[in-house]
Amino acid sequence: MTFAELIHLLRTHAELHESLLVLARRKTEVLKKNDIEALSALLADEQKHLFAIRQLEERRRRWLKEVLGDETATVAQCEAMAKGKEREELRECRERLKQAVNAVAEANELNRQLIEQSLQFVTAMIETFTPTPSTYSRTQDYTPPPDRPLFESKA
């Protein structure tokens, strides 16, 4: 059994994740500069990458189902079935992909924190410039005082 097609798919998968990492790092810089236009462009590019990754993942699952009969087989399981050079290549692909995915996750976490801080700042600014309701509130209807003079002369 040959794993050449799977190796090719995994290498492409790793390349896409590494490219996604570059985008995530650029997004960090754009978030720091608060450049909305550049952020929109990066998000569109990121969506294209994610679409390509989903397609590649589907191709990998189809290959696993056709060749191994199990679309849920892991790369480590394929590594155990492979021999010689293919086993080493699968191991390298697995490590490379694992590192790329972890790096993207870390970059995305940083970006999430930056966005959260920006939202907190915007919320604070909105609260600062929004008039606050007065502390006085009319809770009861006004009832005029009874008809009596203001001063009692008999006192």
N, C-alpha and C. Protein backbone atom coordinates (compact mmCIF):
# COMPACT_ATOMS: atom_id res chain seq x y z
N MET A 1 0.85 -1.17 0.00
CA MET A 1 0.00 0.00 0.00
C MET A 1 0.90 1.24 0.00
N THR A 2 0.56 2.20 -0.85
CA THR A 2 1.36 3.41 -0.96
C THR A 2 0.61 4.60 -0.36
N PHE A 3 1.34 5.45 0.30
CA PHE A 3 0.77 6.61 0.97
C PHE A 3 1.18 7.92 0.30
N ALA A 4 1.65 7.86 -0.94
CA ALA A 4 2.15 9.04 -1.65
C ALA A 4 1.07 10.12 -1.75
N GLU A 5 -0.14 9.73 -2.07
CA GLU A 5 -1.24 10.71 -2.20
C GLU A 5 -1.53 11.38 -0.86
N LEU A 6 -1.56 10.61 0.21
CA LEU A 6 -1.80 11.16 1.54
C LEU A 6 -0.66 12.10 1.93
N ILE A 7 0.57 11.74 1.64
CA ILE A 7 1.71 12.60 1.95
C ILE A 7 1.58 13.93 1.22
N HIS A 8 1.19 13.85 -0.06
CA HIS A 8 1.00 15.08 -0.84
C HIS A 8 -0.09 15.95 -0.22
N LEU A 9 -1.22 15.34 0.16
CA LEU A 9 -2.32 16.08 0.78
C LEU A 9 -1.89 16.73 2.10
N LEU A 10 -1.14 15.99 2.90
CA LEU A 10 -0.69 16.52 4.19
C LEU A 10 0.31 17.67 4.03
N ARG A 11 1.18 17.56 3.04
CA ARG A 11 2.12 18.65 2.78
C ARG A 11 1.38 19.91 2.35
N THR A 12 0.41 19.74 1.47
CA THR A 12 -0.39 20.88 1.03
C THR A 12 -1.17 21.47 2.20
N HIS A 13 -1.68 20.60 3.04
CA HIS A 13 -2.41 21.02 4.24
C HIS A 13 -1.51 21.86 5.14
N ALA A 14 -0.29 21.40 5.35
CA ALA A 14 0.66 22.12 6.20
C ALA A 14 1.01 23.47 5.56
N GLU A 15 1.20 23.50 4.25
CA GLU A 15 1.52 24.75 3.57
C GLU A 15 0.38 25.76 3.73
N LEU A 16 -0.85 25.29 3.61
CA LEU A 16 -1.99 26.20 3.78
C LEU A 16 -2.06 26.74 5.21
N HIS A 17 -1.78 25.88 6.18
CA HIS A 17 -1.79 26.35 7.57
C HIS A 17 -0.64 27.33 7.83
N GLU A 18 0.50 27.10 7.23
CA GLU A 18 1.61 28.04 7.39
C GLU A 18 1.28 29.37 6.75
N SER A 19 0.60 29.34 5.62
CA SER A 19 0.16 30.57 4.97
C SER A 19 -0.90 31.28 5.83
N LEU A 20 -1.77 30.49 6.44
CA LEU A 20 -2.77 31.03 7.35
C LEU A 20 -2.10 31.68 8.56
N LEU A 21 -1.00 31.11 9.01
CA LEU A 21 -0.23 31.69 10.12
C LEU A 21 0.32 33.06 9.73
N VAL A 22 0.82 33.18 8.51
CA VAL A 22 1.32 34.48 8.04
C VAL A 22 0.18 35.50 8.06
N LEU A 23 -0.99 35.09 7.61
CA LEU A 23 -2.15 35.99 7.64
C LEU A 23 -2.52 36.37 9.07
N ALA A 24 -2.49 35.42 9.97
CA ALA A 24 -2.84 35.69 11.37
C ALA A 24 -1.86 36.68 11.99
N ARG A 25 -0.59 36.56 11.65
CA ARG A 25 0.40 37.50 12.19
C ARG A 25 0.22 38.89 11.58
N ARG A 26 -0.12 38.94 10.29
CA ARG A 26 -0.40 40.23 9.67
C ARG A 26 -1.66 40.85 10.29
N LYS A 27 -2.61 39.99 10.62
CA LYS A 27 -3.84 40.48 11.25
C LYS A 27 -3.53 41.10 12.61
N THR A 28 -2.59 40.52 13.33
CA THR A 28 -2.19 41.09 14.62
C THR A 28 -1.69 42.52 14.44
N GLU A 29 -0.84 42.73 13.44
CA GLU A 29 -0.31 44.07 13.19
C GLU A 29 -1.41 45.03 12.76
N VAL A 30 -2.33 44.55 11.93
CA VAL A 30 -3.43 45.39 11.47
C VAL A 30 -4.34 45.77 12.64
N LEU A 31 -4.57 44.82 13.55
CA LEU A 31 -5.39 45.11 14.73
C LEU A 31 -4.71 46.15 15.61
N LYS A 32 -3.40 46.06 15.75
CA LYS A 32 -2.67 47.03 16.56
C LYS A 32 -2.77 48.44 15.95
N LYS A 33 -2.78 48.50 14.61
CA LYS A 33 -2.86 49.80 13.93
C LYS A 33 -4.29 50.28 13.76
N ASN A 34 -5.24 49.40 14.06
CA ASN A 34 -6.67 49.72 13.94
C ASN A 34 -7.05 50.07 12.50
N ASP A 35 -6.50 49.32 11.55
CA ASP A 35 -6.75 49.55 10.13
C ASP A 35 -7.88 48.63 9.66
N ILE A 36 -9.08 49.16 9.63
CA ILE A 36 -10.27 48.36 9.33
C ILE A 36 -10.27 47.86 7.89
N GLU A 37 -9.84 48.68 6.95
CA GLU A 37 -9.83 48.27 5.54
C GLU A 37 -8.89 47.09 5.31
N ALA A 38 -7.69 47.18 5.88
CA ALA A 38 -6.73 46.09 5.75
C ALA A 38 -7.25 44.83 6.45
N LEU A 39 -7.93 45.01 7.57
CA LEU A 39 -8.50 43.88 8.30
C LEU A 39 -9.56 43.18 7.45
N SER A 40 -10.39 43.95 6.77
CA SER A 40 -11.42 43.36 5.90
C SER A 40 -10.78 42.54 4.79
N ALA A 41 -9.71 43.07 4.19
CA ALA A 41 -9.02 42.35 3.13
C ALA A 41 -8.40 41.05 3.67
N LEU A 42 -7.81 41.13 4.85
CA LEU A 42 -7.20 39.94 5.45
C LEU A 42 -8.26 38.89 5.78
N LEU A 43 -9.41 39.33 6.25
CA LEU A 43 -10.48 38.38 6.58
C LEU A 43 -10.98 37.67 5.32
N ALA A 44 -11.07 38.41 4.22
CA ALA A 44 -11.49 37.78 2.96
C ALA A 44 -10.46 36.74 2.52
N ASP A 45 -9.19 37.09 2.64
CA ASP A 45 -8.11 36.17 2.28
C ASP A 45 -8.14 34.94 3.20
N GLU A 46 -8.40 35.17 4.46
CA GLU A 46 -8.46 34.09 5.43
C GLU A 46 -9.60 33.13 5.10
N GLN A 47 -10.74 33.67 4.67
CA GLN A 47 -11.87 32.82 4.30
C GLN A 47 -11.52 31.92 3.11
N LYS A 48 -10.75 32.46 2.16
CA LYS A 48 -10.32 31.66 1.02
C LYS A 48 -9.43 30.50 1.48
N HIS A 49 -8.53 30.79 2.42
CA HIS A 49 -7.66 29.75 2.96
C HIS A 49 -8.48 28.67 3.67
N LEU A 50 -9.44 29.11 4.46
CA LEU A 50 -10.26 28.14 5.20
C LEU A 50 -11.08 27.27 4.26
N PHE A 51 -11.57 27.86 3.18
CA PHE A 51 -12.31 27.07 2.19
C PHE A 51 -11.40 26.02 1.56
N ALA A 52 -10.17 26.42 1.20
CA ALA A 52 -9.22 25.49 0.60
C ALA A 52 -8.86 24.37 1.58
N ILE A 53 -8.72 24.71 2.85
CA ILE A 53 -8.40 23.71 3.88
C ILE A 53 -9.55 22.71 4.01
N ARG A 54 -10.79 23.21 3.99
CA ARG A 54 -11.95 22.31 4.08
C ARG A 54 -11.99 21.35 2.89
N GLN A 55 -11.70 21.87 1.70
CA GLN A 55 -11.69 21.02 0.51
C GLN A 55 -10.59 19.95 0.62
N LEU A 56 -9.44 20.37 1.09
CA LEU A 56 -8.32 19.43 1.25
C LEU A 56 -8.66 18.36 2.29
N GLU A 57 -9.29 18.78 3.35
CA GLU A 57 -9.70 17.84 4.39
C GLU A 57 -10.69 16.82 3.83
N GLU A 58 -11.60 17.28 2.99
CA GLU A 58 -12.56 16.37 2.37
C GLU A 58 -11.85 15.38 1.44
N ARG A 59 -10.88 15.86 0.68
CA ARG A 59 -10.10 14.97 -0.19
C ARG A 59 -9.35 13.93 0.64
N ARG A 60 -8.79 14.34 1.78
CA ARG A 60 -8.06 13.42 2.66
C ARG A 60 -9.00 12.34 3.19
N ARG A 61 -10.18 12.74 3.62
CA ARG A 61 -11.15 11.76 4.14
C ARG A 61 -11.60 10.78 3.06
N ARG A 62 -11.82 11.30 1.85
CA ARG A 62 -12.20 10.40 0.74
C ARG A 62 -11.09 9.40 0.47
N TRP A 63 -9.83 9.87 0.48
CA TRP A 63 -8.70 8.97 0.23
C TRP A 63 -8.65 7.89 1.31
N LEU A 64 -8.79 8.31 2.56
CA LEU A 64 -8.75 7.35 3.66
C LEU A 64 -9.87 6.31 3.53
N LYS A 65 -11.05 6.76 3.14
CA LYS A 65 -12.18 5.83 3.00
C LYS A 65 -11.95 4.86 1.84
N GLU A 66 -11.44 5.38 0.72
CA GLU A 66 -11.20 4.53 -0.45
C GLU A 66 -10.08 3.52 -0.22
N VAL A 67 -8.98 3.99 0.38
CA VAL A 67 -7.79 3.14 0.50
C VAL A 67 -7.83 2.29 1.76
N LEU A 68 -8.20 2.90 2.88
CA LEU A 68 -8.17 2.17 4.15
C LEU A 68 -9.55 1.68 4.59
N GLY A 69 -10.59 2.26 4.01
CA GLY A 69 -11.94 1.88 4.42
C GLY A 69 -12.38 2.56 5.70
N ASP A 70 -11.59 3.51 6.19
CA ASP A 70 -11.91 4.20 7.44
C ASP A 70 -11.50 5.66 7.30
N GLU A 71 -12.48 6.54 7.15
CA GLU A 71 -12.17 7.96 6.97
C GLU A 71 -11.71 8.64 8.25
N THR A 72 -11.83 7.96 9.38
CA THR A 72 -11.41 8.56 10.65
C THR A 72 -10.00 8.14 11.06
N ALA A 73 -9.31 7.40 10.19
CA ALA A 73 -7.95 6.96 10.52
C ALA A 73 -7.04 8.17 10.70
N THR A 74 -6.18 8.11 11.69
CA THR A 74 -5.27 9.22 11.97
C THR A 74 -3.98 9.05 11.18
N VAL A 75 -3.21 10.13 11.13
CA VAL A 75 -1.92 10.08 10.45
C VAL A 75 -1.00 9.10 11.19
N ALA A 76 -1.10 9.07 12.51
CA ALA A 76 -0.28 8.15 13.29
C ALA A 76 -0.61 6.69 12.93
N GLN A 77 -1.87 6.39 12.70
CA GLN A 77 -2.25 5.04 12.31
C GLN A 77 -1.70 4.70 10.92
N CYS A 78 -1.76 5.69 10.02
CA CYS A 78 -1.21 5.48 8.68
C CYS A 78 0.31 5.30 8.76
N GLU A 79 0.93 6.05 9.65
CA GLU A 79 2.38 5.95 9.87
C GLU A 79 2.75 4.52 10.29
N ALA A 80 1.93 3.95 11.15
CA ALA A 80 2.19 2.59 11.63
C ALA A 80 2.06 1.56 10.50
N MET A 81 1.21 1.84 9.52
CA MET A 81 1.02 0.92 8.40
C MET A 81 2.07 1.11 7.30
N ALA A 82 2.64 2.31 7.24
CA ALA A 82 3.61 2.61 6.18
C ALA A 82 4.95 1.97 6.47
N LYS A 83 5.76 1.90 5.43
CA LYS A 83 7.08 1.29 5.58
C LYS A 83 8.15 2.26 5.07
N GLY A 84 9.31 2.18 5.68
CA GLY A 84 10.49 2.89 5.22
C GLY A 84 10.35 4.38 5.06
N LYS A 85 10.63 4.85 3.84
CA LYS A 85 10.66 6.28 3.54
C LYS A 85 9.29 6.93 3.75
N GLU A 86 8.22 6.25 3.36
CA GLU A 86 6.88 6.80 3.52
C GLU A 86 6.53 7.02 4.99
N ARG A 87 6.97 6.10 5.84
CA ARG A 87 6.73 6.24 7.28
C ARG A 87 7.39 7.51 7.81
N GLU A 88 8.63 7.74 7.40
CA GLU A 88 9.36 8.93 7.83
C GLU A 88 8.70 10.20 7.29
N GLU A 89 8.28 10.16 6.03
CA GLU A 89 7.62 11.32 5.43
C GLU A 89 6.29 11.62 6.12
N LEU A 90 5.53 10.60 6.46
CA LEU A 90 4.28 10.80 7.19
C LEU A 90 4.53 11.41 8.57
N ARG A 91 5.58 10.93 9.24
CA ARG A 91 5.93 11.48 10.55
C ARG A 91 6.29 12.96 10.42
N GLU A 92 7.09 13.30 9.41
CA GLU A 92 7.48 14.70 9.20
C GLU A 92 6.26 15.57 8.88
N CYS A 93 5.37 15.05 8.05
CA CYS A 93 4.14 15.79 7.71
C CYS A 93 3.28 16.02 8.95
N ARG A 94 3.16 14.96 9.77
CA ARG A 94 2.35 15.08 10.99
C ARG A 94 2.92 16.14 11.92
N GLU A 95 4.24 16.12 12.11
CA GLU A 95 4.88 17.10 12.99
C GLU A 95 4.75 18.52 12.44
N ARG A 96 4.98 18.66 11.15
CA ARG A 96 4.90 19.98 10.51
C ARG A 96 3.48 20.54 10.62
N LEU A 97 2.50 19.70 10.34
CA LEU A 97 1.11 20.14 10.41
C LEU A 97 0.72 20.48 11.85
N LYS A 98 1.17 19.67 12.78
CA LYS A 98 0.87 19.91 14.20
C LYS A 98 1.45 21.24 14.66
N GLN A 99 2.69 21.52 14.28
CA GLN A 99 3.32 22.79 14.65
C GLN A 99 2.58 23.97 14.02
N ALA A 100 2.20 23.84 12.75
CA ALA A 100 1.51 24.93 12.06
C ALA A 100 0.15 25.20 12.70
N VAL A 101 -0.59 24.15 13.00
CA VAL A 101 -1.91 24.32 13.61
C VAL A 101 -1.78 24.96 14.99
N ASN A 102 -0.81 24.53 15.78
CA ASN A 102 -0.60 25.12 17.11
C ASN A 102 -0.20 26.59 17.01
N ALA A 103 0.66 26.92 16.05
CA ALA A 103 1.09 28.31 15.88
C ALA A 103 -0.09 29.19 15.45
N VAL A 104 -0.93 28.68 14.56
CA VAL A 104 -2.12 29.44 14.13
C VAL A 104 -3.05 29.64 15.32
N ALA A 105 -3.22 28.62 16.13
CA ALA A 105 -4.08 28.73 17.31
C ALA A 105 -3.56 29.80 18.28
N GLU A 106 -2.25 29.84 18.49
CA GLU A 106 -1.66 30.85 19.38
C GLU A 106 -1.86 32.25 18.81
N ALA A 107 -1.63 32.42 17.51
CA ALA A 107 -1.80 33.73 16.87
C ALA A 107 -3.26 34.16 16.94
N ASN A 108 -4.16 33.24 16.73
CA ASN A 108 -5.59 33.57 16.80
C ASN A 108 -6.01 33.93 18.21
N GLU A 109 -5.43 33.30 19.20
CA GLU A 109 -5.73 33.64 20.59
C GLU A 109 -5.27 35.07 20.89
N LEU A 110 -4.08 35.42 20.43
CA LEU A 110 -3.58 36.79 20.60
C LEU A 110 -4.53 37.78 19.92
N ASN A 111 -4.94 37.47 18.70
CA ASN A 111 -5.86 38.34 17.97
C ASN A 111 -7.20 38.47 18.69
N ARG A 112 -7.66 37.37 19.26
CA ARG A 112 -8.91 37.42 20.03
C ARG A 112 -8.79 38.36 21.21
N GLN A 113 -7.65 38.29 21.90
CA GLN A 113 -7.42 39.17 23.04
C GLN A 113 -7.36 40.63 22.61
N LEU A 114 -6.70 40.90 21.49
CA LEU A 114 -6.63 42.27 20.98
C LEU A 114 -8.02 42.80 20.62
N ILE A 115 -8.82 41.97 19.98
CA ILE A 115 -10.17 42.38 19.62
C ILE A 115 -11.01 42.62 20.87
N GLU A 116 -10.84 41.76 21.85
CA GLU A 116 -11.59 41.92 23.10
C GLU A 116 -11.21 43.22 23.80
N GLN A 117 -9.92 43.55 23.83
CA GLN A 117 -9.48 44.81 24.43
C GLN A 117 -10.03 46.00 23.66
N SER A 118 -10.06 45.90 22.34
CA SER A 118 -10.61 46.98 21.52
C SER A 118 -12.09 47.18 21.83
N LEU A 119 -12.81 46.08 21.96
CA LEU A 119 -14.23 46.17 22.28
C LEU A 119 -14.45 46.78 23.67
N GLN A 120 -13.61 46.43 24.61
CA GLN A 120 -13.72 47.01 25.95
C GLN A 120 -13.46 48.51 25.90
N PHE A 121 -12.48 48.92 25.10
CA PHE A 121 -12.18 50.35 24.96
C PHE A 121 -13.36 51.08 24.32
N VAL A 122 -13.91 50.50 23.25
CA VAL A 122 -15.05 51.13 22.57
C VAL A 122 -16.24 51.23 23.52
N THR A 123 -16.50 50.18 24.27
CA THR A 123 -17.59 50.19 25.24
C THR A 123 -17.38 51.27 26.29
N ALA A 124 -16.16 51.40 26.78
CA ALA A 124 -15.85 52.43 27.77
C ALA A 124 -16.06 53.83 27.18
N MET A 125 -15.65 54.03 25.93
CA MET A 125 -15.83 55.33 25.28
C MET A 125 -17.32 55.63 25.09
N ILE A 126 -18.08 54.65 24.69
CA ILE A 126 -19.52 54.85 24.51
C ILE A 126 -20.16 55.22 25.83
N GLU A 127 -19.78 54.51 26.89
CA GLU A 127 -20.35 54.80 28.21
C GLU A 127 -19.93 56.19 28.69
N THR A 128 -18.73 56.62 28.33
CA THR A 128 -18.26 57.94 28.75
C THR A 128 -19.05 59.04 28.06
N PHE A 129 -19.34 58.87 26.80
CA PHE A 129 -19.99 59.93 26.03
C PHE A 129 -21.51 59.81 25.99
N THR A 130 -22.06 58.76 26.49
CA THR A 130 -23.51 58.61 26.54
C THR A 130 -23.99 59.25 27.83
N PRO A 131 -25.00 60.13 27.72
CA PRO A 131 -25.50 60.75 28.95
C PRO A 131 -26.07 59.69 29.89
N THR A 132 -25.72 59.85 31.14
CA THR A 132 -26.24 58.89 32.12
C THR A 132 -27.58 59.39 32.62
N PRO A 133 -28.48 58.50 32.89
CA PRO A 133 -29.77 58.93 33.42
C PRO A 133 -29.58 59.55 34.80
N SER A 134 -30.37 60.59 35.09
CA SER A 134 -30.20 61.25 36.38
C SER A 134 -30.60 60.30 37.50
N THR A 135 -30.06 60.58 38.66
CA THR A 135 -30.36 59.71 39.78
C THR A 135 -31.74 59.99 40.35
N TYR A 136 -32.30 61.16 39.99
CA TYR A 136 -33.65 61.48 40.43
C TYR A 136 -34.63 60.82 39.50
N SER A 137 -35.57 60.14 40.07
CA SER A 137 -36.63 59.59 39.24
C SER A 137 -37.95 59.79 39.95
N ARG A 138 -38.92 60.10 39.20
CA ARG A 138 -40.24 60.34 39.75
C ARG A 138 -40.93 59.00 39.90
N THR A 139 -41.01 58.55 41.14
CA THR A 139 -41.61 57.23 41.36
C THR A 139 -43.06 57.32 41.79
N GLN A 140 -43.44 58.44 42.35
CA GLN A 140 -44.83 58.58 42.79
C GLN A 140 -45.44 59.80 42.11
N ASP A 141 -46.75 59.77 41.97
CA ASP A 141 -47.43 60.93 41.42
C ASP A 141 -47.43 62.04 42.46
N TYR A 142 -47.43 63.25 41.96
CA TYR A 142 -47.43 64.42 42.84
C TYR A 142 -48.81 64.59 43.45
N THR A 143 -48.83 64.72 44.78
CA THR A 143 -50.09 65.02 45.45
C THR A 143 -49.93 66.38 46.13
N PRO A 144 -50.78 67.30 45.81
CA PRO A 144 -50.65 68.63 46.41
C PRO A 144 -50.90 68.57 47.92
N PRO A 145 -50.25 69.47 48.66
CA PRO A 145 -50.46 69.47 50.12
C PRO A 145 -51.91 69.88 50.45
N PRO A 146 -52.37 69.49 51.63
CA PRO A 146 -53.74 69.86 52.01
C PRO A 146 -53.87 71.39 52.11
N ASP A 147 -55.09 71.86 51.99
CA ASP A 147 -55.33 73.31 52.07
C ASP A 147 -55.20 73.76 53.51
N ARG A 148 -54.06 74.20 53.89
CA ARG A 148 -53.82 74.80 55.20
C ARG A 148 -52.81 75.91 55.00
N PRO A 149 -52.83 76.81 55.86
CA PRO A 149 -51.86 77.92 55.73
C PRO A 149 -50.45 77.41 56.02
N LEU A 150 -49.50 78.11 55.51
CA LEU A 150 -48.12 77.71 55.72
C LEU A 150 -47.67 77.91 57.16
N PHE A 151 -48.21 78.93 57.82
CA PHE A 151 -47.85 79.19 59.20
C PHE A 151 -49.08 79.08 60.07
N GLU A 152 -48.92 78.47 61.20
CA GLU A 152 -50.03 78.43 62.14
C GLU A 152 -49.83 79.59 63.11
N SER A 153 -50.82 80.44 63.16
CA SER A 153 -50.69 81.64 63.99
C SER A 153 -50.90 81.36 65.47
N LYS A 154 -51.46 80.23 65.82
CA LYS A 154 -51.74 79.91 67.23
C LYS A 154 -50.51 79.35 67.92
N ALA A 155 -49.51 79.06 67.25
CA ALA A 155 -48.37 78.43 67.86
C ALA A 155 -47.60 79.34 68.67
